[in-house]
Amino acid sequence: MTDTDFETTQIEAAAFRRLLQHLMHERPDAQNIELMINAGFCRNCLADWYREAAEHRGITMTKDEAREAIYGMPFAQWKAQHQREATPEQLAAFEAAQRRHAG
């Protein structure tokens, strides 16, 4: 790995940590369904990608461990504190977004 590769990795890691901090502390009100509708991914997707990256490096991680790393707390606790029931409008928008991306 060159110095440039190392620096790029460090910058990417810092940006990822900042994204997690933003989602955990500054925008816990941003619902996963809203993220899925607007961005095509949510905190659960990040947790899946995190776990896949760990496994790629030979580190075994459960789904719950990955979610705790992304949510900053056990998923059930985050869900109880922050997740609201999806509205009919959100569900319809989610379904429409899924159809657009499946095409």
PDB file of N, CA and C in Angstrom:
ATOM      1  N   MET A   1       0.850  -1.175   0.000  1.00  0.00           N
ATOM      2  CA  MET A   1       0.000   0.000   0.000  1.00  0.00           C
ATOM      3  C   MET A   1       0.896   1.238   0.000  1.00  0.00           C
ATOM      4  N   THR A   2       0.599   2.142  -0.875  1.00  0.00           N
ATOM      5  CA  THR A   2       1.385   3.371  -0.944  1.00  0.00           C
ATOM      6  C   THR A   2       0.879   4.367   0.094  1.00  0.00           C
ATOM      7  N   ASP A   3       1.666   5.407   0.316  1.00  0.00           N
ATOM      8  CA  ASP A   3       1.249   6.470   1.236  1.00  0.00           C
ATOM      9  C   ASP A   3      -0.066   7.080   0.788  1.00  0.00           C
ATOM     10  N   THR A   4      -0.222   7.236  -0.534  1.00  0.00           N
ATOM     11  CA  THR A   4      -1.457   7.817  -1.067  1.00  0.00           C
ATOM     12  C   THR A   4      -2.645   6.909  -0.761  1.00  0.00           C
ATOM     13  N   ASP A   5      -2.480   5.584  -0.926  1.00  0.00           N
ATOM     14  CA  ASP A   5      -3.553   4.630  -0.604  1.00  0.00           C
ATOM     15  C   ASP A   5      -3.894   4.700   0.876  1.00  0.00           C
ATOM     16  N   PHE A   6      -2.870   4.773   1.719  1.00  0.00           N
ATOM     17  CA  PHE A   6      -3.074   4.848   3.160  1.00  0.00           C
ATOM     18  C   PHE A   6      -3.836   6.125   3.516  1.00  0.00           C
ATOM     19  N   GLU A   7      -3.415   7.242   2.947  1.00  0.00           N
ATOM     20  CA  GLU A   7      -4.086   8.518   3.216  1.00  0.00           C
ATOM     21  C   GLU A   7      -5.535   8.490   2.736  1.00  0.00           C
ATOM     22  N   THR A   8      -5.764   7.918   1.564  1.00  0.00           N
ATOM     23  CA  THR A   8      -7.130   7.806   1.037  1.00  0.00           C
ATOM     24  C   THR A   8      -7.989   6.978   1.986  1.00  0.00           C
ATOM     25  N   THR A   9      -7.456   5.868   2.455  1.00  0.00           N
ATOM     26  CA  THR A   9      -8.182   5.011   3.395  1.00  0.00           C
ATOM     27  C   THR A   9      -8.494   5.766   4.682  1.00  0.00           C
ATOM     28  N   GLN A  10      -7.543   6.531   5.177  1.00  0.00           N
ATOM     29  CA  GLN A  10      -7.753   7.306   6.396  1.00  0.00           C
ATOM     30  C   GLN A  10      -8.843   8.372   6.204  1.00  0.00           C
ATOM     31  N   ILE A  11      -8.811   9.031   5.061  1.00  0.00           N
ATOM     32  CA  ILE A  11      -9.821  10.052   4.753  1.00  0.00           C
ATOM     33  C   ILE A  11     -11.195   9.409   4.628  1.00  0.00           C
ATOM     34  N   GLU A  12     -11.273   8.290   3.921  1.00  0.00           N
ATOM     35  CA  GLU A  12     -12.551   7.592   3.772  1.00  0.00           C
ATOM     36  C   GLU A  12     -13.085   7.133   5.126  1.00  0.00           C
ATOM     37  N   ALA A  13     -12.210   6.602   5.960  1.00  0.00           N
ATOM     38  CA  ALA A  13     -12.622   6.150   7.296  1.00  0.00           C
ATOM     39  C   ALA A  13     -13.139   7.319   8.131  1.00  0.00           C
ATOM     40  N   ALA A  14     -12.465   8.453   8.058  1.00  0.00           N
ATOM     41  CA  ALA A  14     -12.903   9.636   8.810  1.00  0.00           C
ATOM     42  C   ALA A  14     -14.260  10.114   8.308  1.00  0.00           C
ATOM     43  N   ALA A  15     -14.463  10.099   7.005  1.00  0.00           N
ATOM     44  CA  ALA A  15     -15.756  10.518   6.440  1.00  0.00           C
ATOM     45  C   ALA A  15     -16.858   9.554   6.869  1.00  0.00           C
ATOM     46  N   PHE A  16     -16.567   8.269   6.889  1.00  0.00           N
ATOM     47  CA  PHE A  16     -17.543   7.271   7.320  1.00  0.00           C
ATOM     48  C   PHE A  16     -17.894   7.471   8.793  1.00  0.00           C
ATOM     49  N   ARG A  17     -16.880   7.694   9.632  1.00  0.00           N
ATOM     50  CA  ARG A  17     -17.147   7.950  11.046  1.00  0.00           C
ATOM     51  C   ARG A  17     -18.007   9.196  11.221  1.00  0.00           C
ATOM     52  N   ARG A  18     -17.765  10.222  10.415  1.00  0.00           N
ATOM     53  CA  ARG A  18     -18.561  11.453  10.482  1.00  0.00           C
ATOM     54  C   ARG A  18     -20.009  11.193  10.067  1.00  0.00           C
ATOM     55  N   LEU A  19     -20.210  10.369   9.034  1.00  0.00           N
ATOM     56  CA  LEU A  19     -21.558   9.985   8.622  1.00  0.00           C
ATOM     57  C   LEU A  19     -22.276   9.276   9.764  1.00  0.00           C
ATOM     58  N   LEU A  20     -21.595   8.340  10.422  1.00  0.00           N
ATOM     59  CA  LEU A  20     -22.216   7.628  11.536  1.00  0.00           C
ATOM     60  C   LEU A  20     -22.575   8.582  12.666  1.00  0.00           C
ATOM     61  N   GLN A  21     -21.669   9.482  13.006  1.00  0.00           N
ATOM     62  CA  GLN A  21     -21.947  10.459  14.058  1.00  0.00           C
ATOM     63  C   GLN A  21     -23.157  11.322  13.687  1.00  0.00           C
ATOM     64  N   HIS A  22     -23.213  11.720  12.441  1.00  0.00           N
ATOM     65  CA  HIS A  22     -24.338  12.536  11.971  1.00  0.00           C
ATOM     66  C   HIS A  22     -25.654  11.777  12.130  1.00  0.00           C
ATOM     67  N   LEU A  23     -25.675  10.523  11.695  1.00  0.00           N
ATOM     68  CA  LEU A  23     -26.901   9.729  11.780  1.00  0.00           C
ATOM     69  C   LEU A  23     -27.263   9.382  13.219  1.00  0.00           C
ATOM     70  N   MET A  24     -26.251   9.167  14.067  1.00  0.00           N
ATOM     71  CA  MET A  24     -26.506   8.780  15.452  1.00  0.00           C
ATOM     72  C   MET A  24     -26.946   9.960  16.315  1.00  0.00           C
ATOM     73  N   HIS A  25     -26.233  11.074  16.190  1.00  0.00           N
ATOM     74  CA  HIS A  25     -26.409  12.157  17.147  1.00  0.00           C
ATOM     75  C   HIS A  25     -27.121  13.384  16.595  1.00  0.00           C
ATOM     76  N   GLU A  26     -26.895  13.697  15.353  1.00  0.00           N
ATOM     77  CA  GLU A  26     -27.480  14.905  14.788  1.00  0.00           C
ATOM     78  C   GLU A  26     -28.811  14.648  14.090  1.00  0.00           C
ATOM     79  N   ARG A  27     -28.991  13.448  13.526  1.00  0.00           N
ATOM     80  CA  ARG A  27     -30.214  13.163  12.779  1.00  0.00           C
ATOM     81  C   ARG A  27     -30.814  11.790  13.108  1.00  0.00           C
ATOM     82  N   PRO A  28     -30.961  11.459  14.388  1.00  0.00           N
ATOM     83  CA  PRO A  28     -31.637  10.194  14.690  1.00  0.00           C
ATOM     84  C   PRO A  28     -33.099  10.234  14.256  1.00  0.00           C
ATOM     85  N   ASP A  29     -33.609  11.447  13.986  1.00  0.00           N
ATOM     86  CA  ASP A  29     -34.983  11.597  13.515  1.00  0.00           C
ATOM     87  C   ASP A  29     -35.150  11.194  12.057  1.00  0.00           C
ATOM     88  N   ALA A  30     -34.063  11.124  11.315  1.00  0.00           N
ATOM     89  CA  ALA A  30     -34.147  10.696   9.911  1.00  0.00           C
ATOM     90  C   ALA A  30     -34.457   9.196   9.918  1.00  0.00           C
ATOM     91  N   GLN A  31     -35.663   8.880   9.534  1.00  0.00           N
ATOM     92  CA  GLN A  31     -36.132   7.504   9.587  1.00  0.00           C
ATOM     93  C   GLN A  31     -35.498   6.666   8.476  1.00  0.00           C
ATOM     94  N   ASN A  32     -35.259   5.387   8.770  1.00  0.00           N
ATOM     95  CA  ASN A  32     -34.663   4.498   7.777  1.00  0.00           C
ATOM     96  C   ASN A  32     -35.486   4.452   6.495  1.00  0.00           C
ATOM     97  N   ILE A  33     -36.811   4.440   6.616  1.00  0.00           N
ATOM     98  CA  ILE A  33     -37.638   4.375   5.414  1.00  0.00           C
ATOM     99  C   ILE A  33     -37.425   5.626   4.561  1.00  0.00           C
ATOM    100  N   GLU A  34     -37.238   6.785   5.206  1.00  0.00           N
ATOM    101  CA  GLU A  34     -36.971   8.019   4.467  1.00  0.00           C
ATOM    102  C   GLU A  34     -35.620   7.946   3.758  1.00  0.00           C
ATOM    103  N   LEU A  35     -34.636   7.390   4.444  1.00  0.00           N
ATOM    104  CA  LEU A  35     -33.325   7.219   3.812  1.00  0.00           C
ATOM    105  C   LEU A  35     -33.428   6.290   2.608  1.00  0.00           C
ATOM    106  N   MET A  36     -34.178   5.206   2.763  1.00  0.00           N
ATOM    107  CA  MET A  36     -34.347   4.259   1.653  1.00  0.00           C
ATOM    108  C   MET A  36     -35.046   4.920   0.469  1.00  0.00           C
ATOM    109  N   ILE A  37     -36.079   5.703   0.742  1.00  0.00           N
ATOM    110  CA  ILE A  37     -36.817   6.368  -0.331  1.00  0.00           C
ATOM    111  C   ILE A  37     -35.918   7.350  -1.072  1.00  0.00           C
ATOM    112  N   ASN A  38     -35.182   8.150  -0.313  1.00  0.00           N
ATOM    113  CA  ASN A  38     -34.417   9.244  -0.906  1.00  0.00           C
ATOM    114  C   ASN A  38     -33.005   8.881  -1.339  1.00  0.00           C
ATOM    115  N   ALA A  39     -32.389   7.933  -0.649  1.00  0.00           N
ATOM    116  CA  ALA A  39     -30.989   7.628  -0.947  1.00  0.00           C
ATOM    117  C   ALA A  39     -30.764   6.196  -1.425  1.00  0.00           C
ATOM    118  N   GLY A  40     -31.750   5.336  -1.236  1.00  0.00           N
ATOM    119  CA  GLY A  40     -31.598   3.954  -1.676  1.00  0.00           C
ATOM    120  C   GLY A  40     -30.808   3.088  -0.707  1.00  0.00           C
ATOM    121  N   PHE A  41     -30.515   3.621   0.481  1.00  0.00           N
ATOM    122  CA  PHE A  41     -29.864   2.840   1.533  1.00  0.00           C
ATOM    123  C   PHE A  41     -30.261   3.441   2.876  1.00  0.00           C
ATOM    124  N   CYS A  42     -30.058   2.652   3.933  1.00  0.00           N
ATOM    125  CA  CYS A  42     -30.383   3.128   5.272  1.00  0.00           C
ATOM    126  C   CYS A  42     -29.328   2.623   6.252  1.00  0.00           C
ATOM    127  N   ARG A  43     -29.563   2.844   7.516  1.00  0.00           N
ATOM    128  CA  ARG A  43     -28.621   2.406   8.546  1.00  0.00           C
ATOM    129  C   ARG A  43     -28.433   0.887   8.501  1.00  0.00           C
ATOM    130  N   ASN A  44     -29.510   0.147   8.242  1.00  0.00           N
ATOM    131  CA  ASN A  44     -29.390  -1.310   8.172  1.00  0.00           C
ATOM    132  C   ASN A  44     -28.498  -1.731   7.009  1.00  0.00           C
ATOM    133  N   CYS A  45     -28.602  -1.021   5.888  1.00  0.00           N
ATOM    134  CA  CYS A  45     -27.716  -1.294   4.756  1.00  0.00           C
ATOM    135  C   CYS A  45     -26.266  -1.044   5.154  1.00  0.00           C
ATOM    136  N   LEU A  46     -26.021   0.073   5.840  1.00  0.00           N
ATOM    137  CA  LEU A  46     -24.661   0.373   6.302  1.00  0.00           C
ATOM    138  C   LEU A  46     -24.148  -0.744   7.210  1.00  0.00           C
ATOM    139  N   ALA A  47     -25.009  -1.239   8.086  1.00  0.00           N
ATOM    140  CA  ALA A  47     -24.612  -2.329   8.981  1.00  0.00           C
ATOM    141  C   ALA A  47     -24.272  -3.588   8.179  1.00  0.00           C
ATOM    142  N   ASP A  48     -25.074  -3.884   7.158  1.00  0.00           N
ATOM    143  CA  ASP A  48     -24.780  -5.051   6.312  1.00  0.00           C
ATOM    144  C   ASP A  48     -23.449  -4.866   5.597  1.00  0.00           C
ATOM    145  N   TRP A  49     -23.196  -3.675   5.059  1.00  0.00           N
ATOM    146  CA  TRP A  49     -21.931  -3.412   4.366  1.00  0.00           C
ATOM    147  C   TRP A  49     -20.758  -3.483   5.333  1.00  0.00           C
ATOM    148  N   TYR A  50     -20.958  -3.002   6.547  1.00  0.00           N
ATOM    149  CA  TYR A  50     -19.923  -3.038   7.589  1.00  0.00           C
ATOM    150  C   TYR A  50     -19.561  -4.495   7.909  1.00  0.00           C
ATOM    151  N   ARG A  51     -20.599  -5.326   8.096  1.00  0.00           N
ATOM    152  CA  ARG A  51     -20.387  -6.747   8.407  1.00  0.00           C
ATOM    153  C   ARG A  51     -19.694  -7.459   7.244  1.00  0.00           C
ATOM    154  N   GLU A  52     -20.119  -7.157   6.022  1.00  0.00           N
ATOM    155  CA  GLU A  52     -19.492  -7.764   4.845  1.00  0.00           C
ATOM    156  C   GLU A  52     -18.021  -7.378   4.749  1.00  0.00           C
ATOM    157  N   ALA A  53     -17.703  -6.120   5.039  1.00  0.00           N
ATOM    158  CA  ALA A  53     -16.316  -5.666   4.999  1.00  0.00           C
ATOM    159  C   ALA A  53     -15.494  -6.366   6.077  1.00  0.00           C
ATOM    160  N   ALA A  54     -16.076  -6.546   7.259  1.00  0.00           N
ATOM    161  CA  ALA A  54     -15.381  -7.257   8.332  1.00  0.00           C
ATOM    162  C   ALA A  54     -15.120  -8.699   7.922  1.00  0.00           C
ATOM    163  N   GLU A  55     -16.132  -9.352   7.368  1.00  0.00           N
ATOM    164  CA  GLU A  55     -15.981 -10.740   6.957  1.00  0.00           C
ATOM    165  C   GLU A  55     -14.955 -10.884   5.838  1.00  0.00           C
ATOM    166  N   HIS A  56     -14.889  -9.889   4.969  1.00  0.00           N
ATOM    167  CA  HIS A  56     -13.887  -9.892   3.898  1.00  0.00           C
ATOM    168  C   HIS A  56     -12.474  -9.879   4.481  1.00  0.00           C
ATOM    169  N   ARG A  57     -12.334  -9.294   5.659  1.00  0.00           N
ATOM    170  CA  ARG A  57     -11.041  -9.236   6.337  1.00  0.00           C
ATOM    171  C   ARG A  57     -10.863 -10.392   7.321  1.00  0.00           C
ATOM    172  N   GLY A  58     -11.783 -11.368   7.304  1.00  0.00           N
ATOM    173  CA  GLY A  58     -11.669 -12.539   8.162  1.00  0.00           C
ATOM    174  C   GLY A  58     -12.198 -12.338   9.570  1.00  0.00           C
ATOM    175  N   ILE A  59     -12.982 -11.282   9.774  1.00  0.00           N
ATOM    176  CA  ILE A  59     -13.549 -10.987  11.089  1.00  0.00           C
ATOM    177  C   ILE A  59     -15.020 -11.396  11.081  1.00  0.00           C
ATOM    178  N   THR A  60     -15.373 -12.321  11.955  1.00  0.00           N
ATOM    179  CA  THR A  60     -16.755 -12.770  12.053  1.00  0.00           C
ATOM    180  C   THR A  60     -17.535 -11.770  12.890  1.00  0.00           C
ATOM    181  N   MET A  61     -18.678 -11.379  12.377  1.00  0.00           N
ATOM    182  CA  MET A  61     -19.506 -10.391  13.054  1.00  0.00           C
ATOM    183  C   MET A  61     -20.954 -10.772  12.831  1.00  0.00           C
ATOM    184  N   THR A  62     -21.744 -10.690  13.881  1.00  0.00           N
ATOM    185  CA  THR A  62     -23.167 -10.973  13.743  1.00  0.00           C
ATOM    186  C   THR A  62     -23.880  -9.742  13.198  1.00  0.00           C
ATOM    187  N   LYS A  63     -25.093  -9.960  12.750  1.00  0.00           N
ATOM    188  CA  LYS A  63     -25.935  -8.862  12.282  1.00  0.00           C
ATOM    189  C   LYS A  63     -26.160  -7.860  13.414  1.00  0.00           C
ATOM    190  N   ASP A  64     -26.408  -8.366  14.625  1.00  0.00           N
ATOM    191  CA  ASP A  64     -26.634  -7.486  15.777  1.00  0.00           C
ATOM    192  C   ASP A  64     -25.385  -6.683  16.130  1.00  0.00           C
ATOM    193  N   GLU A  65     -24.220  -7.297  16.058  1.00  0.00           N
ATOM    194  CA  GLU A  65     -22.974  -6.574  16.345  1.00  0.00           C
ATOM    195  C   GLU A  65     -22.744  -5.466  15.326  1.00  0.00           C
ATOM    196  N   ALA A  66     -23.011  -5.763  14.071  1.00  0.00           N
ATOM    197  CA  ALA A  66     -22.839  -4.752  13.018  1.00  0.00           C
ATOM    198  C   ALA A  66     -23.821  -3.609  13.206  1.00  0.00           C
ATOM    199  N   ARG A  67     -25.052  -3.942  13.517  1.00  0.00           N
ATOM    200  CA  ARG A  67     -26.048  -2.878  13.736  1.00  0.00           C
ATOM    201  C   ARG A  67     -25.673  -2.017  14.934  1.00  0.00           C
ATOM    202  N   GLU A  68     -25.168  -2.612  15.988  1.00  0.00           N
ATOM    203  CA  GLU A  68     -24.766  -1.819  17.153  1.00  0.00           C
ATOM    204  C   GLU A  68     -23.620  -0.874  16.793  1.00  0.00           C
ATOM    205  N   ALA A  69     -22.713  -1.326  15.935  1.00  0.00           N
ATOM    206  CA  ALA A  69     -21.612  -0.460  15.489  1.00  0.00           C
ATOM    207  C   ALA A  69     -22.145   0.739  14.708  1.00  0.00           C
ATOM    208  N   ILE A  70     -23.189   0.539  13.931  1.00  0.00           N
ATOM    209  CA  ILE A  70     -23.742   1.612  13.116  1.00  0.00           C
ATOM    210  C   ILE A  70     -24.689   2.504  13.907  1.00  0.00           C
ATOM    211  N   TYR A  71     -25.517   1.913  14.739  1.00  0.00           N
ATOM    212  CA  TYR A  71     -26.503   2.676  15.501  1.00  0.00           C
ATOM    213  C   TYR A  71     -25.920   3.300  16.771  1.00  0.00           C
ATOM    214  N   GLY A  72     -24.770   2.802  17.228  1.00  0.00           N
ATOM    215  CA  GLY A  72     -24.167   3.321  18.450  1.00  0.00           C
ATOM    216  C   GLY A  72     -24.823   2.790  19.713  1.00  0.00           C
ATOM    217  N   MET A  73     -25.685   1.826  19.567  1.00  0.00           N
ATOM    218  CA  MET A  73     -26.398   1.185  20.677  1.00  0.00           C
ATOM    219  C   MET A  73     -27.075  -0.058  20.098  1.00  0.00           C
ATOM    220  N   PRO A  74     -27.553  -0.950  20.954  1.00  0.00           N
ATOM    221  CA  PRO A  74     -28.297  -2.094  20.416  1.00  0.00           C
ATOM    222  C   PRO A  74     -29.475  -1.617  19.561  1.00  0.00           C
ATOM    223  N   PHE A  75     -29.718  -2.311  18.469  1.00  0.00           N
ATOM    224  CA  PHE A  75     -30.761  -1.910  17.525  1.00  0.00           C
ATOM    225  C   PHE A  75     -32.121  -1.770  18.208  1.00  0.00           C
ATOM    226  N   ALA A  76     -32.466  -2.713  19.080  1.00  0.00           N
ATOM    227  CA  ALA A  76     -33.771  -2.655  19.747  1.00  0.00           C
ATOM    228  C   ALA A  76     -33.906  -1.372  20.564  1.00  0.00           C
ATOM    229  N   GLN A  77     -32.833  -0.945  21.194  1.00  0.00           N
ATOM    230  CA  GLN A  77     -32.865   0.296  21.979  1.00  0.00           C
ATOM    231  C   GLN A  77     -33.044   1.502  21.055  1.00  0.00           C
ATOM    232  N   TRP A  78     -32.296   1.543  19.960  1.00  0.00           N
ATOM    233  CA  TRP A  78     -32.430   2.650  19.009  1.00  0.00           C
ATOM    234  C   TRP A  78     -33.849   2.702  18.456  1.00  0.00           C
ATOM    235  N   LYS A  79     -34.349   1.532  18.088  1.00  0.00           N
ATOM    236  CA  LYS A  79     -35.691   1.454  17.509  1.00  0.00           C
ATOM    237  C   LYS A  79     -36.736   1.976  18.495  1.00  0.00           C
ATOM    238  N   ALA A  80     -36.620   1.591  19.767  1.00  0.00           N
ATOM    239  CA  ALA A  80     -37.571   2.044  20.776  1.00  0.00           C
ATOM    240  C   ALA A  80     -37.485   3.556  20.997  1.00  0.00           C
ATOM    241  N   GLN A  81     -36.284   4.109  20.905  1.00  0.00           N
ATOM    242  CA  GLN A  81     -36.086   5.533  21.159  1.00  0.00           C
ATOM    243  C   GLN A  81     -36.395   6.419  19.963  1.00  0.00           C
ATOM    244  N   HIS A  82     -36.143   5.919  18.743  1.00  0.00           N
ATOM    245  CA  HIS A  82     -36.156   6.811  17.590  1.00  0.00           C
ATOM    246  C   HIS A  82     -37.076   6.427  16.438  1.00  0.00           C
ATOM    247  N   GLN A  83     -37.380   5.154  16.276  1.00  0.00           N
ATOM    248  CA  GLN A  83     -38.124   4.743  15.084  1.00  0.00           C
ATOM    249  C   GLN A  83     -39.613   4.945  15.274  1.00  0.00           C
ATOM    250  N   ARG A  84     -40.203   5.602  14.298  1.00  0.00           N
ATOM    251  CA  ARG A  84     -41.649   5.793  14.278  1.00  0.00           C
ATOM    252  C   ARG A  84     -42.261   4.801  13.288  1.00  0.00           C
ATOM    253  N   GLU A  85     -43.546   4.566  13.459  1.00  0.00           N
ATOM    254  CA  GLU A  85     -44.279   3.717  12.518  1.00  0.00           C
ATOM    255  C   GLU A  85     -44.317   4.432  11.163  1.00  0.00           C
ATOM    256  N   ALA A  86     -44.076   3.696  10.105  1.00  0.00           N
ATOM    257  CA  ALA A  86     -44.123   4.278   8.761  1.00  0.00           C
ATOM    258  C   ALA A  86     -45.555   4.683   8.437  1.00  0.00           C
ATOM    259  N   THR A  87     -45.670   5.839   7.804  1.00  0.00           N
ATOM    260  CA  THR A  87     -46.989   6.320   7.397  1.00  0.00           C
ATOM    261  C   THR A  87     -47.390   5.625   6.092  1.00  0.00           C
ATOM    262  N   PRO A  88     -48.667   5.631   5.773  1.00  0.00           N
ATOM    263  CA  PRO A  88     -49.091   5.068   4.485  1.00  0.00           C
ATOM    264  C   PRO A  88     -48.382   5.764   3.313  1.00  0.00           C
ATOM    265  N   GLU A  89     -48.167   7.075   3.424  1.00  0.00           N
ATOM    266  CA  GLU A  89     -47.471   7.814   2.363  1.00  0.00           C
ATOM    267  C   GLU A  89     -46.024   7.347   2.218  1.00  0.00           C
ATOM    268  N   GLN A  90     -45.355   7.117   3.347  1.00  0.00           N
ATOM    269  CA  GLN A  90     -43.978   6.629   3.303  1.00  0.00           C
ATOM    270  C   GLN A  90     -43.917   5.233   2.685  1.00  0.00           C
ATOM    271  N   LEU A  91     -44.839   4.381   3.070  1.00  0.00           N
ATOM    272  CA  LEU A  91     -44.870   3.022   2.509  1.00  0.00           C
ATOM    273  C   LEU A  91     -45.103   3.055   1.007  1.00  0.00           C
ATOM    274  N   ALA A  92     -46.003   3.911   0.558  1.00  0.00           N
ATOM    275  CA  ALA A  92     -46.269   4.030  -0.882  1.00  0.00           C
ATOM    276  C   ALA A  92     -45.043   4.570  -1.607  1.00  0.00           C
ATOM    277  N   ALA A  93     -44.388   5.570  -1.035  1.00  0.00           N
ATOM    278  CA  ALA A  93     -43.177   6.131  -1.652  1.00  0.00           C
ATOM    279  C   ALA A  93     -42.050   5.100  -1.681  1.00  0.00           C
ATOM    280  N   PHE A  94     -41.945   4.296  -0.631  1.00  0.00           N
ATOM    281  CA  PHE A  94     -40.936   3.243  -0.582  1.00  0.00           C
ATOM    282  C   PHE A  94     -41.191   2.210  -1.679  1.00  0.00           C
ATOM    283  N   GLU A  95     -42.433   1.791  -1.819  1.00  0.00           N
ATOM    284  CA  GLU A  95     -42.778   0.819  -2.855  1.00  0.00           C
ATOM    285  C   GLU A  95     -42.490   1.374  -4.250  1.00  0.00           C
ATOM    286  N   ALA A  96     -42.811   2.646  -4.459  1.00  0.00           N
ATOM    287  CA  ALA A  96     -42.536   3.277  -5.753  1.00  0.00           C
ATOM    288  C   ALA A  96     -41.030   3.358  -6.017  1.00  0.00           C
ATOM    289  N   ALA A  97     -40.270   3.675  -4.998  1.00  0.00           N
ATOM    290  CA  ALA A  97     -38.805   3.752  -5.129  1.00  0.00           C
ATOM    291  C   ALA A  97     -38.240   2.371  -5.457  1.00  0.00           C
ATOM    292  N   GLN A  98     -38.770   1.340  -4.801  1.00  0.00           N
ATOM    293  CA  GLN A  98     -38.310  -0.021  -5.068  1.00  0.00           C
ATOM    294  C   GLN A  98     -38.578  -0.417  -6.516  1.00  0.00           C
ATOM    295  N   ARG A  99     -39.766  -0.057  -7.008  1.00  0.00           N
ATOM    296  CA  ARG A  99     -40.099  -0.382  -8.411  1.00  0.00           C
ATOM    297  C   ARG A  99     -39.161   0.347  -9.371  1.00  0.00           C
ATOM    298  N   ARG A 100     -38.864   1.616  -9.084  1.00  0.00           N
ATOM    299  CA  ARG A 100     -37.953   2.384  -9.956  1.00  0.00           C
ATOM    300  C   ARG A 100     -36.573   1.754 -10.010  1.00  0.00           C
ATOM    301  N   HIS A 101     -36.108   1.241  -8.882  1.00  0.00           N
ATOM    302  CA  HIS A 101     -34.747   0.707  -8.827  1.00  0.00           C
ATOM    303  C   HIS A 101     -34.662  -0.755  -9.261  1.00  0.00           C
ATOM    304  N   ALA A 102     -35.781  -1.417  -9.320  1.00  0.00           N
ATOM    305  CA  ALA A 102     -35.789  -2.830  -9.719  1.00  0.00           C
ATOM    306  C   ALA A 102     -35.762  -2.977 -11.243  1.00  0.00           C
ATOM    307  N   GLY A 103     -36.182  -1.936 -11.917  1.00  0.00           N
ATOM    308  CA  GLY A 103     -36.388  -1.950 -13.345  1.00  0.00           C
ATOM    309  C   GLY A 103     -35.251  -2.255 -14.191  1.00  0.00           C
TER     310      GLY A 103
END
